[in-house]
Amino acid sequence: MSNALLSIQILPHTPGGESVLPYVDRAIEIIKASGVPYRVAPLETTMEGELNQLLSIVQEMNEAMTVMGCPSVISQIKVYYNPEGGASMDRLLEKYPDGQ
């Protein structure tokens, strides 16, 4: 059972002021490849899993941005942590099945 939800908005400082979209796409690819449940929203992506695993994914995302040529990256994160388990996007959103 998951013990954390982590929402991230990654803001890479792109080379030459390029669009951030390809960089954000790469960050989402990293999340997808990790196998954790996640939901993409307009301003952030939320992941569900063990806190140490989610923080490791954030680290991998930041490192990927620098490999792609970004001199720096800002990652704004929010964490919901419940050491007893039970951190679930579905449970928290059950009242809003259509996102409304």
PDB file of N, CA and C in Angstrom:
ATOM      1  N   MET A   1       0.838  -1.177   0.000  1.00  0.00           N
ATOM      2  CA  MET A   1       0.000   0.000   0.000  1.00  0.00           C
ATOM      3  C   MET A   1       0.887   1.246   0.000  1.00  0.00           C
ATOM      4  N   SER A   2       0.555   2.183  -0.826  1.00  0.00           N
ATOM      5  CA  SER A   2       1.348   3.407  -0.968  1.00  0.00           C
ATOM      6  C   SER A   2       1.291   4.260   0.289  1.00  0.00           C
ATOM      7  N   ASN A   3       2.407   4.926   0.572  1.00  0.00           N
ATOM      8  CA  ASN A   3       2.414   5.803   1.734  1.00  0.00           C
ATOM      9  C   ASN A   3       2.528   7.283   1.366  1.00  0.00           C
ATOM     10  N   ALA A   4       2.541   7.599   0.052  1.00  0.00           N
ATOM     11  CA  ALA A   4       2.701   9.004  -0.321  1.00  0.00           C
ATOM     12  C   ALA A   4       2.077   9.326  -1.676  1.00  0.00           C
ATOM     13  N   LEU A   5       1.657  10.553  -1.781  1.00  0.00           N
ATOM     14  CA  LEU A   5       1.315  11.169  -3.052  1.00  0.00           C
ATOM     15  C   LEU A   5       2.289  12.324  -3.220  1.00  0.00           C
ATOM     16  N   LEU A   6       2.804  12.499  -4.412  1.00  0.00           N
ATOM     17  CA  LEU A   6       3.736  13.594  -4.681  1.00  0.00           C
ATOM     18  C   LEU A   6       3.314  14.250  -5.983  1.00  0.00           C
ATOM     19  N   SER A   7       3.031  15.544  -5.913  1.00  0.00           N
ATOM     20  CA  SER A   7       2.715  16.320  -7.107  1.00  0.00           C
ATOM     21  C   SER A   7       3.927  17.160  -7.456  1.00  0.00           C
ATOM     22  N   ILE A   8       4.242  17.200  -8.746  1.00  0.00           N
ATOM     23  CA  ILE A   8       5.412  17.950  -9.192  1.00  0.00           C
ATOM     24  C   ILE A   8       5.071  18.828 -10.391  1.00  0.00           C
ATOM     25  N   GLN A   9       5.601  20.026 -10.353  1.00  0.00           N
ATOM     26  CA  GLN A   9       5.621  20.918 -11.500  1.00  0.00           C
ATOM     27  C   GLN A   9       7.093  21.174 -11.776  1.00  0.00           C
ATOM     28  N   ILE A  10       7.574  20.716 -12.920  1.00  0.00           N
ATOM     29  CA  ILE A  10       8.989  20.879 -13.253  1.00  0.00           C
ATOM     30  C   ILE A  10       9.130  22.067 -14.198  1.00  0.00           C
ATOM     31  N   LEU A  11      10.057  22.961 -13.874  1.00  0.00           N
ATOM     32  CA  LEU A  11      10.268  24.194 -14.629  1.00  0.00           C
ATOM     33  C   LEU A  11      11.728  24.270 -15.057  1.00  0.00           C
ATOM     34  N   PRO A  12      12.061  23.645 -16.187  1.00  0.00           N
ATOM     35  CA  PRO A  12      13.448  23.677 -16.636  1.00  0.00           C
ATOM     36  C   PRO A  12      13.809  25.026 -17.260  1.00  0.00           C
ATOM     37  N   HIS A  13      15.009  25.484 -16.969  1.00  0.00           N
ATOM     38  CA  HIS A  13      15.560  26.663 -17.646  1.00  0.00           C
ATOM     39  C   HIS A  13      16.139  26.131 -18.953  1.00  0.00           C
ATOM     40  N   THR A  14      15.407  26.322 -20.029  1.00  0.00           N
ATOM     41  CA  THR A  14      15.780  25.692 -21.300  1.00  0.00           C
ATOM     42  C   THR A  14      16.866  26.481 -22.026  1.00  0.00           C
ATOM     43  N   PRO A  15      17.695  25.771 -22.786  1.00  0.00           N
ATOM     44  CA  PRO A  15      18.737  26.447 -23.562  1.00  0.00           C
ATOM     45  C   PRO A  15      18.115  27.380 -24.606  1.00  0.00           C
ATOM     46  N   GLY A  16      18.572  28.603 -24.634  1.00  0.00           N
ATOM     47  CA  GLY A  16      18.112  29.556 -25.640  1.00  0.00           C
ATOM     48  C   GLY A  16      16.654  29.932 -25.528  1.00  0.00           C
ATOM     49  N   GLY A  17      16.041  29.670 -24.386  1.00  0.00           N
ATOM     50  CA  GLY A  17      14.637  30.023 -24.211  1.00  0.00           C
ATOM     51  C   GLY A  17      13.675  29.143 -24.991  1.00  0.00           C
ATOM     52  N   GLU A  18      14.106  27.931 -25.312  1.00  0.00           N
ATOM     53  CA  GLU A  18      13.247  26.999 -26.048  1.00  0.00           C
ATOM     54  C   GLU A  18      11.969  26.719 -25.272  1.00  0.00           C
ATOM     55  N   SER A  19      10.967  26.198 -25.978  1.00  0.00           N
ATOM     56  CA  SER A  19       9.732  25.757 -25.342  1.00  0.00           C
ATOM     57  C   SER A  19      10.050  24.676 -24.307  1.00  0.00           C
ATOM     58  N   VAL A  20       9.338  24.700 -23.194  1.00  0.00           N
ATOM     59  CA  VAL A  20       9.544  23.688 -22.170  1.00  0.00           C
ATOM     60  C   VAL A  20       8.817  22.381 -22.483  1.00  0.00           C
ATOM     61  N   LEU A  21       7.922  22.382 -23.459  1.00  0.00           N
ATOM     62  CA  LEU A  21       7.089  21.201 -23.701  1.00  0.00           C
ATOM     63  C   LEU A  21       7.868  19.912 -23.956  1.00  0.00           C
ATOM     64  N   PRO A  22       8.902  19.891 -24.787  1.00  0.00           N
ATOM     65  CA  PRO A  22       9.643  18.638 -24.959  1.00  0.00           C
ATOM     66  C   PRO A  22      10.319  18.167 -23.666  1.00  0.00           C
ATOM     67  N   TYR A  23      10.680  19.099 -22.816  1.00  0.00           N
ATOM     68  CA  TYR A  23      11.328  18.772 -21.548  1.00  0.00           C
ATOM     69  C   TYR A  23      10.300  18.188 -20.568  1.00  0.00           C
ATOM     70  N   VAL A  24       9.128  18.798 -20.534  1.00  0.00           N
ATOM     71  CA  VAL A  24       8.058  18.278 -19.689  1.00  0.00           C
ATOM     72  C   VAL A  24       7.642  16.888 -20.181  1.00  0.00           C
ATOM     73  N   ASP A  25       7.562  16.721 -21.493  1.00  0.00           N
ATOM     74  CA  ASP A  25       7.241  15.399 -22.047  1.00  0.00           C
ATOM     75  C   ASP A  25       8.256  14.354 -21.582  1.00  0.00           C
ATOM     76  N   ARG A  26       9.525  14.714 -21.567  1.00  0.00           N
ATOM     77  CA  ARG A  26      10.567  13.785 -21.117  1.00  0.00           C
ATOM     78  C   ARG A  26      10.379  13.450 -19.628  1.00  0.00           C
ATOM     79  N   ALA A  27      10.050  14.447 -18.834  1.00  0.00           N
ATOM     80  CA  ALA A  27       9.826  14.218 -17.405  1.00  0.00           C
ATOM     81  C   ALA A  27       8.663  13.243 -17.200  1.00  0.00           C
ATOM     82  N   ILE A  28       7.602  13.405 -17.977  1.00  0.00           N
ATOM     83  CA  ILE A  28       6.453  12.507 -17.862  1.00  0.00           C
ATOM     84  C   ILE A  28       6.819  11.106 -18.339  1.00  0.00           C
ATOM     85  N   GLU A  29       7.668  10.998 -19.344  1.00  0.00           N
ATOM     86  CA  GLU A  29       8.151   9.681 -19.794  1.00  0.00           C
ATOM     87  C   GLU A  29       8.865   8.952 -18.646  1.00  0.00           C
ATOM     88  N   ILE A  30       9.642   9.693 -17.871  1.00  0.00           N
ATOM     89  CA  ILE A  30      10.362   9.105 -16.737  1.00  0.00           C
ATOM     90  C   ILE A  30       9.372   8.577 -15.704  1.00  0.00           C
ATOM     91  N   ILE A  31       8.338   9.353 -15.420  1.00  0.00           N
ATOM     92  CA  ILE A  31       7.314   8.904 -14.479  1.00  0.00           C
ATOM     93  C   ILE A  31       6.648   7.640 -15.009  1.00  0.00           C
ATOM     94  N   LYS A  32       6.258   7.669 -16.273  1.00  0.00           N
ATOM     95  CA  LYS A  32       5.586   6.514 -16.874  1.00  0.00           C
ATOM     96  C   LYS A  32       6.467   5.264 -16.793  1.00  0.00           C
ATOM     97  N   ALA A  33       7.735   5.411 -17.115  1.00  0.00           N
ATOM     98  CA  ALA A  33       8.667   4.275 -17.098  1.00  0.00           C
ATOM     99  C   ALA A  33       8.876   3.714 -15.694  1.00  0.00           C
ATOM    100  N   SER A  34       8.644   4.525 -14.678  1.00  0.00           N
ATOM    101  CA  SER A  34       8.844   4.065 -13.296  1.00  0.00           C
ATOM    102  C   SER A  34       7.804   3.030 -12.877  1.00  0.00           C
ATOM    103  N   GLY A  35       6.662   3.066 -13.518  1.00  0.00           N
ATOM    104  CA  GLY A  35       5.599   2.119 -13.185  1.00  0.00           C
ATOM    105  C   GLY A  35       4.675   2.555 -12.059  1.00  0.00           C
ATOM    106  N   VAL A  36       4.907   3.725 -11.457  1.00  0.00           N
ATOM    107  CA  VAL A  36       4.013   4.178 -10.389  1.00  0.00           C
ATOM    108  C   VAL A  36       2.727   4.736 -11.007  1.00  0.00           C
ATOM    109  N   PRO A  37       1.615   4.630 -10.281  1.00  0.00           N
ATOM    110  CA  PRO A  37       0.393   5.280 -10.761  1.00  0.00           C
ATOM    111  C   PRO A  37       0.602   6.795 -10.794  1.00  0.00           C
ATOM    112  N   TYR A  38       0.066   7.441 -11.816  1.00  0.00           N
ATOM    113  CA  TYR A  38       0.225   8.892 -11.924  1.00  0.00           C
ATOM    114  C   TYR A  38      -0.935   9.491 -12.696  1.00  0.00           C
ATOM    115  N   ARG A  39      -1.129  10.784 -12.526  1.00  0.00           N
ATOM    116  CA  ARG A  39      -2.134  11.542 -13.268  1.00  0.00           C
ATOM    117  C   ARG A  39      -1.512  12.859 -13.696  1.00  0.00           C
ATOM    118  N   VAL A  40      -1.622  13.144 -14.978  1.00  0.00           N
ATOM    119  CA  VAL A  40      -1.138  14.413 -15.518  1.00  0.00           C
ATOM    120  C   VAL A  40      -2.288  15.412 -15.468  1.00  0.00           C
ATOM    121  N   ALA A  41      -2.006  16.597 -14.969  1.00  0.00           N
ATOM    122  CA  ALA A  41      -2.962  17.699 -14.933  1.00  0.00           C
ATOM    123  C   ALA A  41      -2.316  18.898 -15.631  1.00  0.00           C
ATOM    124  N   PRO A  42      -3.071  19.945 -15.890  1.00  0.00           N
ATOM    125  CA  PRO A  42      -2.507  21.068 -16.651  1.00  0.00           C
ATOM    126  C   PRO A  42      -1.271  21.710 -16.032  1.00  0.00           C
ATOM    127  N   LEU A  43      -1.189  21.767 -14.702  1.00  0.00           N
ATOM    128  CA  LEU A  43      -0.087  22.488 -14.072  1.00  0.00           C
ATOM    129  C   LEU A  43       0.848  21.620 -13.251  1.00  0.00           C
ATOM    130  N   GLU A  44       0.516  20.342 -13.093  1.00  0.00           N
ATOM    131  CA  GLU A  44       1.367  19.448 -12.321  1.00  0.00           C
ATOM    132  C   GLU A  44       0.980  18.011 -12.609  1.00  0.00           C
ATOM    133  N   THR A  45       1.845  17.105 -12.217  1.00  0.00           N
ATOM    134  CA  THR A  45       1.579  15.680 -12.328  1.00  0.00           C
ATOM    135  C   THR A  45       1.686  15.080 -10.939  1.00  0.00           C
ATOM    136  N   THR A  46       0.735  14.221 -10.594  1.00  0.00           N
ATOM    137  CA  THR A  46       0.723  13.578  -9.284  1.00  0.00           C
ATOM    138  C   THR A  46       1.071  12.110  -9.432  1.00  0.00           C
ATOM    139  N   MET A  47       1.967  11.648  -8.548  1.00  0.00           N
ATOM    140  CA  MET A  47       2.383  10.250  -8.516  1.00  0.00           C
ATOM    141  C   MET A  47       1.977   9.644  -7.185  1.00  0.00           C
ATOM    142  N   GLU A  48       1.799   8.325  -7.175  1.00  0.00           N
ATOM    143  CA  GLU A  48       1.430   7.587  -5.972  1.00  0.00           C
ATOM    144  C   GLU A  48       2.429   6.461  -5.756  1.00  0.00           C
ATOM    145  N   GLY A  49       2.940   6.331  -4.532  1.00  0.00           N
ATOM    146  CA  GLY A  49       3.882   5.259  -4.251  1.00  0.00           C
ATOM    147  C   GLY A  49       4.537   5.428  -2.901  1.00  0.00           C
ATOM    148  N   GLU A  50       5.697   4.820  -2.754  1.00  0.00           N
ATOM    149  CA  GLU A  50       6.492   4.962  -1.540  1.00  0.00           C
ATOM    150  C   GLU A  50       7.292   6.255  -1.643  1.00  0.00           C
ATOM    151  N   LEU A  51       7.347   7.009  -0.559  1.00  0.00           N
ATOM    152  CA  LEU A  51       7.965   8.336  -0.596  1.00  0.00           C
ATOM    153  C   LEU A  51       9.383   8.299  -1.143  1.00  0.00           C
ATOM    154  N   ASN A  52      10.210   7.357  -0.695  1.00  0.00           N
ATOM    155  CA  ASN A  52      11.593   7.322  -1.178  1.00  0.00           C
ATOM    156  C   ASN A  52      11.651   7.054  -2.679  1.00  0.00           C
ATOM    157  N   GLN A  53      10.764   6.224  -3.193  1.00  0.00           N
ATOM    158  CA  GLN A  53      10.729   5.957  -4.632  1.00  0.00           C
ATOM    159  C   GLN A  53      10.310   7.213  -5.399  1.00  0.00           C
ATOM    160  N   LEU A  54       9.307   7.922  -4.894  1.00  0.00           N
ATOM    161  CA  LEU A  54       8.831   9.123  -5.589  1.00  0.00           C
ATOM    162  C   LEU A  54       9.905  10.208  -5.612  1.00  0.00           C
ATOM    163  N   LEU A  55      10.613  10.366  -4.505  1.00  0.00           N
ATOM    164  CA  LEU A  55      11.695  11.358  -4.474  1.00  0.00           C
ATOM    165  C   LEU A  55      12.831  10.964  -5.420  1.00  0.00           C
ATOM    166  N   SER A  56      13.075   9.686  -5.566  1.00  0.00           N
ATOM    167  CA  SER A  56      14.077   9.208  -6.511  1.00  0.00           C
ATOM    168  C   SER A  56      13.665   9.536  -7.949  1.00  0.00           C
ATOM    169  N   ILE A  57      12.386   9.426  -8.242  1.00  0.00           N
ATOM    170  CA  ILE A  57      11.883   9.775  -9.577  1.00  0.00           C
ATOM    171  C   ILE A  57      12.077  11.264  -9.833  1.00  0.00           C
ATOM    172  N   VAL A  58      11.817  12.091  -8.821  1.00  0.00           N
ATOM    173  CA  VAL A  58      12.044  13.539  -8.952  1.00  0.00           C
ATOM    174  C   VAL A  58      13.512  13.803  -9.263  1.00  0.00           C
ATOM    175  N   GLN A  59      14.404  13.123  -8.577  1.00  0.00           N
ATOM    176  CA  GLN A  59      15.828  13.295  -8.838  1.00  0.00           C
ATOM    177  C   GLN A  59      16.160  12.904 -10.281  1.00  0.00           C
ATOM    178  N   GLU A  60      15.628  11.779 -10.736  1.00  0.00           N
ATOM    179  CA  GLU A  60      15.881  11.337 -12.111  1.00  0.00           C
ATOM    180  C   GLU A  60      15.353  12.354 -13.121  1.00  0.00           C
ATOM    181  N   MET A  61      14.189  12.924 -12.842  1.00  0.00           N
ATOM    182  CA  MET A  61      13.616  13.931 -13.740  1.00  0.00           C
ATOM    183  C   MET A  61      14.529  15.151 -13.838  1.00  0.00           C
ATOM    184  N   ASN A  62      15.017  15.625 -12.694  1.00  0.00           N
ATOM    185  CA  ASN A  62      15.900  16.791 -12.692  1.00  0.00           C
ATOM    186  C   ASN A  62      17.200  16.506 -13.432  1.00  0.00           C
ATOM    187  N   GLU A  63      17.760  15.331 -13.199  1.00  0.00           N
ATOM    188  CA  GLU A  63      18.995  14.962 -13.893  1.00  0.00           C
ATOM    189  C   GLU A  63      18.784  14.873 -15.399  1.00  0.00           C
ATOM    190  N   ALA A  64      17.627  14.379 -15.820  1.00  0.00           N
ATOM    191  CA  ALA A  64      17.326  14.282 -17.252  1.00  0.00           C
ATOM    192  C   ALA A  64      17.282  15.668 -17.899  1.00  0.00           C
ATOM    193  N   MET A  65      16.787  16.653 -17.163  1.00  0.00           N
ATOM    194  CA  MET A  65      16.722  18.010 -17.714  1.00  0.00           C
ATOM    195  C   MET A  65      18.126  18.546 -17.979  1.00  0.00           C
ATOM    196  N   THR A  66      19.053  18.270 -17.066  1.00  0.00           N
ATOM    197  CA  THR A  66      20.416  18.759 -17.277  1.00  0.00           C
ATOM    198  C   THR A  66      21.094  17.999 -18.417  1.00  0.00           C
ATOM    199  N   VAL A  67      20.811  16.714 -18.548  1.00  0.00           N
ATOM    200  CA  VAL A  67      21.352  15.938 -19.679  1.00  0.00           C
ATOM    201  C   VAL A  67      20.849  16.517 -21.000  1.00  0.00           C
ATOM    202  N   MET A  68      19.614  17.017 -20.996  1.00  0.00           N
ATOM    203  CA  MET A  68      19.034  17.606 -22.205  1.00  0.00           C
ATOM    204  C   MET A  68      19.552  19.022 -22.477  1.00  0.00           C
ATOM    205  N   GLY A  69      20.412  19.538 -21.579  1.00  0.00           N
ATOM    206  CA  GLY A  69      21.030  20.837 -21.820  1.00  0.00           C
ATOM    207  C   GLY A  69      20.530  21.984 -20.968  1.00  0.00           C
ATOM    208  N   CYS A  70      19.653  21.729 -20.033  1.00  0.00           N
ATOM    209  CA  CYS A  70      19.167  22.801 -19.160  1.00  0.00           C
ATOM    210  C   CYS A  70      20.227  23.131 -18.115  1.00  0.00           C
ATOM    211  N   PRO A  71      20.597  24.393 -17.969  1.00  0.00           N
ATOM    212  CA  PRO A  71      21.589  24.739 -16.969  1.00  0.00           C
ATOM    213  C   PRO A  71      21.049  24.663 -15.542  1.00  0.00           C
ATOM    214  N   SER A  72      19.725  24.750 -15.391  1.00  0.00           N
ATOM    215  CA  SER A  72      19.121  24.649 -14.064  1.00  0.00           C
ATOM    216  C   SER A  72      17.665  24.235 -14.192  1.00  0.00           C
ATOM    217  N   VAL A  73      17.115  23.772 -13.064  1.00  0.00           N
ATOM    218  CA  VAL A  73      15.739  23.286 -13.040  1.00  0.00           C
ATOM    219  C   VAL A  73      15.119  23.662 -11.700  1.00  0.00           C
ATOM    220  N   ILE A  74      13.877  24.107 -11.736  1.00  0.00           N
ATOM    221  CA  ILE A  74      13.097  24.293 -10.515  1.00  0.00           C
ATOM    222  C   ILE A  74      12.033  23.197 -10.511  1.00  0.00           C
ATOM    223  N   SER A  75      11.938  22.489  -9.405  1.00  0.00           N
ATOM    224  CA  SER A  75      10.883  21.497  -9.227  1.00  0.00           C
ATOM    225  C   SER A  75      10.067  21.893  -8.010  1.00  0.00           C
ATOM    226  N   GLN A  76       8.828  22.234  -8.251  1.00  0.00           N
ATOM    227  CA  GLN A  76       7.927  22.546  -7.150  1.00  0.00           C
ATOM    228  C   GLN A  76       7.156  21.276  -6.827  1.00  0.00           C
ATOM    229  N   ILE A  77       7.266  20.825  -5.581  1.00  0.00           N
ATOM    230  CA  ILE A  77       6.591  19.584  -5.220  1.00  0.00           C
ATOM    231  C   ILE A  77       5.704  19.787  -3.995  1.00  0.00           C
ATOM    232  N   LYS A  78       4.653  18.974  -3.958  1.00  0.00           N
ATOM    233  CA  LYS A  78       3.769  18.874  -2.799  1.00  0.00           C
ATOM    234  C   LYS A  78       3.734  17.404  -2.431  1.00  0.00           C
ATOM    235  N   VAL A  79       3.800  17.121  -1.154  1.00  0.00           N
ATOM    236  CA  VAL A  79       3.821  15.733  -0.698  1.00  0.00           C
ATOM    237  C   VAL A  79       2.727  15.511   0.336  1.00  0.00           C
ATOM    238  N   TYR A  80       1.965  14.450   0.134  1.00  0.00           N
ATOM    239  CA  TYR A  80       1.066  13.937   1.152  1.00  0.00           C
ATOM    240  C   TYR A  80       1.688  12.629   1.611  1.00  0.00           C
ATOM    241  N   TYR A  81       1.995  12.535   2.890  1.00  0.00           N
ATOM    242  CA  TYR A  81       2.677  11.359   3.427  1.00  0.00           C
ATOM    243  C   TYR A  81       1.857  10.768   4.563  1.00  0.00           C
ATOM    244  N   ASN A  82       1.630   9.473   4.500  1.00  0.00           N
ATOM    245  CA  ASN A  82       0.928   8.751   5.554  1.00  0.00           C
ATOM    246  C   ASN A  82       1.707   7.472   5.816  1.00  0.00           C
ATOM    247  N   PRO A  83       2.534   7.456   6.866  1.00  0.00           N
ATOM    248  CA  PRO A  83       3.395   6.296   7.110  1.00  0.00           C
ATOM    249  C   PRO A  83       2.618   5.000   7.334  1.00  0.00           C
ATOM    250  N   GLU A  84       1.342   5.103   7.657  1.00  0.00           N
ATOM    251  CA  GLU A  84       0.512   3.911   7.847  1.00  0.00           C
ATOM    252  C   GLU A  84       0.011   3.353   6.518  1.00  0.00           C
ATOM    253  N   GLY A  85       0.284   4.044   5.426  1.00  0.00           N
ATOM    254  CA  GLY A  85      -0.223   3.636   4.114  1.00  0.00           C
ATOM    255  C   GLY A  85      -1.556   4.309   3.838  1.00  0.00           C
ATOM    256  N   GLY A  86      -2.144   3.971   2.747  1.00  0.00           N
ATOM    257  CA  GLY A  86      -3.449   4.533   2.424  1.00  0.00           C
ATOM    258  C   GLY A  86      -3.406   5.825   1.641  1.00  0.00           C
ATOM    259  N   ALA A  87      -2.246   6.211   1.130  1.00  0.00           N
ATOM    260  CA  ALA A  87      -2.168   7.386   0.268  1.00  0.00           C
ATOM    261  C   ALA A  87      -2.634   6.953  -1.117  1.00  0.00           C
ATOM    262  N   SER A  88      -3.801   7.425  -1.500  1.00  0.00           N
ATOM    263  CA  SER A  88      -4.395   6.959  -2.747  1.00  0.00           C
ATOM    264  C   SER A  88      -5.070   8.100  -3.484  1.00  0.00           C
ATOM    265  N   MET A  89      -4.722   8.287  -4.744  1.00  0.00           N
ATOM    266  CA  MET A  89      -5.396   9.295  -5.557  1.00  0.00           C
ATOM    267  C   MET A  89      -6.865   8.940  -5.695  1.00  0.00           C
ATOM    268  N   ASP A  90      -7.161   7.662  -5.946  1.00  0.00           N
ATOM    269  CA  ASP A  90      -8.549   7.235  -6.113  1.00  0.00           C
ATOM    270  C   ASP A  90      -9.378   7.536  -4.869  1.00  0.00           C
ATOM    271  N   ARG A  91      -8.824   7.251  -3.703  1.00  0.00           N
ATOM    272  CA  ARG A  91      -9.560   7.499  -2.467  1.00  0.00           C
ATOM    273  C   ARG A  91      -9.820   8.990  -2.277  1.00  0.00           C
ATOM    274  N   LEU A  92      -8.825   9.819  -2.541  1.00  0.00           N
ATOM    275  CA  LEU A  92      -8.992  11.259  -2.343  1.00  0.00           C
ATOM    276  C   LEU A  92      -9.910  11.894  -3.380  1.00  0.00           C
ATOM    277  N   LEU A  93     -10.039  11.249  -4.537  1.00  0.00           N
ATOM    278  CA  LEU A  93     -10.846  11.816  -5.620  1.00  0.00           C
ATOM    279  C   LEU A  93     -12.173  11.100  -5.838  1.00  0.00           C
ATOM    280  N   GLU A  94     -12.534  10.164  -4.960  1.00  0.00           N
ATOM    281  CA  GLU A  94     -13.726   9.364  -5.197  1.00  0.00           C
ATOM    282  C   GLU A  94     -14.987  10.207  -5.322  1.00  0.00           C
ATOM    283  N   LYS A  95     -15.046  11.372  -4.684  1.00  0.00           N
ATOM    284  CA  LYS A  95     -16.203  12.264  -4.816  1.00  0.00           C
ATOM    285  C   LYS A  95     -16.258  12.972  -6.172  1.00  0.00           C
ATOM    286  N   TYR A  96     -15.137  12.928  -6.909  1.00  0.00           N
ATOM    287  CA  TYR A  96     -15.032  13.684  -8.160  1.00  0.00           C
ATOM    288  C   TYR A  96     -14.612  12.777  -9.305  1.00  0.00           C
ATOM    289  N   PRO A  97     -15.415  11.790  -9.670  1.00  0.00           N
ATOM    290  CA  PRO A  97     -14.987  10.801 -10.670  1.00  0.00           C
ATOM    291  C   PRO A  97     -14.678  11.405 -12.042  1.00  0.00           C
ATOM    292  N   ASP A  98     -15.295  12.524 -12.365  1.00  0.00           N
ATOM    293  CA  ASP A  98     -15.058  13.153 -13.668  1.00  0.00           C
ATOM    294  C   ASP A  98     -14.178  14.385 -13.550  1.00  0.00           C
ATOM    295  N   GLY A  99     -13.529  14.546 -12.398  1.00  0.00           N
ATOM    296  CA  GLY A  99     -12.660  15.691 -12.202  1.00  0.00           C
ATOM    297  C   GLY A  99     -13.423  16.989 -11.996  1.00  0.00           C
ATOM    298  N   GLN A 100     -14.696  16.902 -11.620  1.00  0.00           N
ATOM    299  CA  GLN A 100     -15.513  18.086 -11.482  1.00  0.00           C
ATOM    300  C   GLN A 100     -15.913  18.318 -10.050  1.00  0.00           C
TER     301      GLN A 100
END
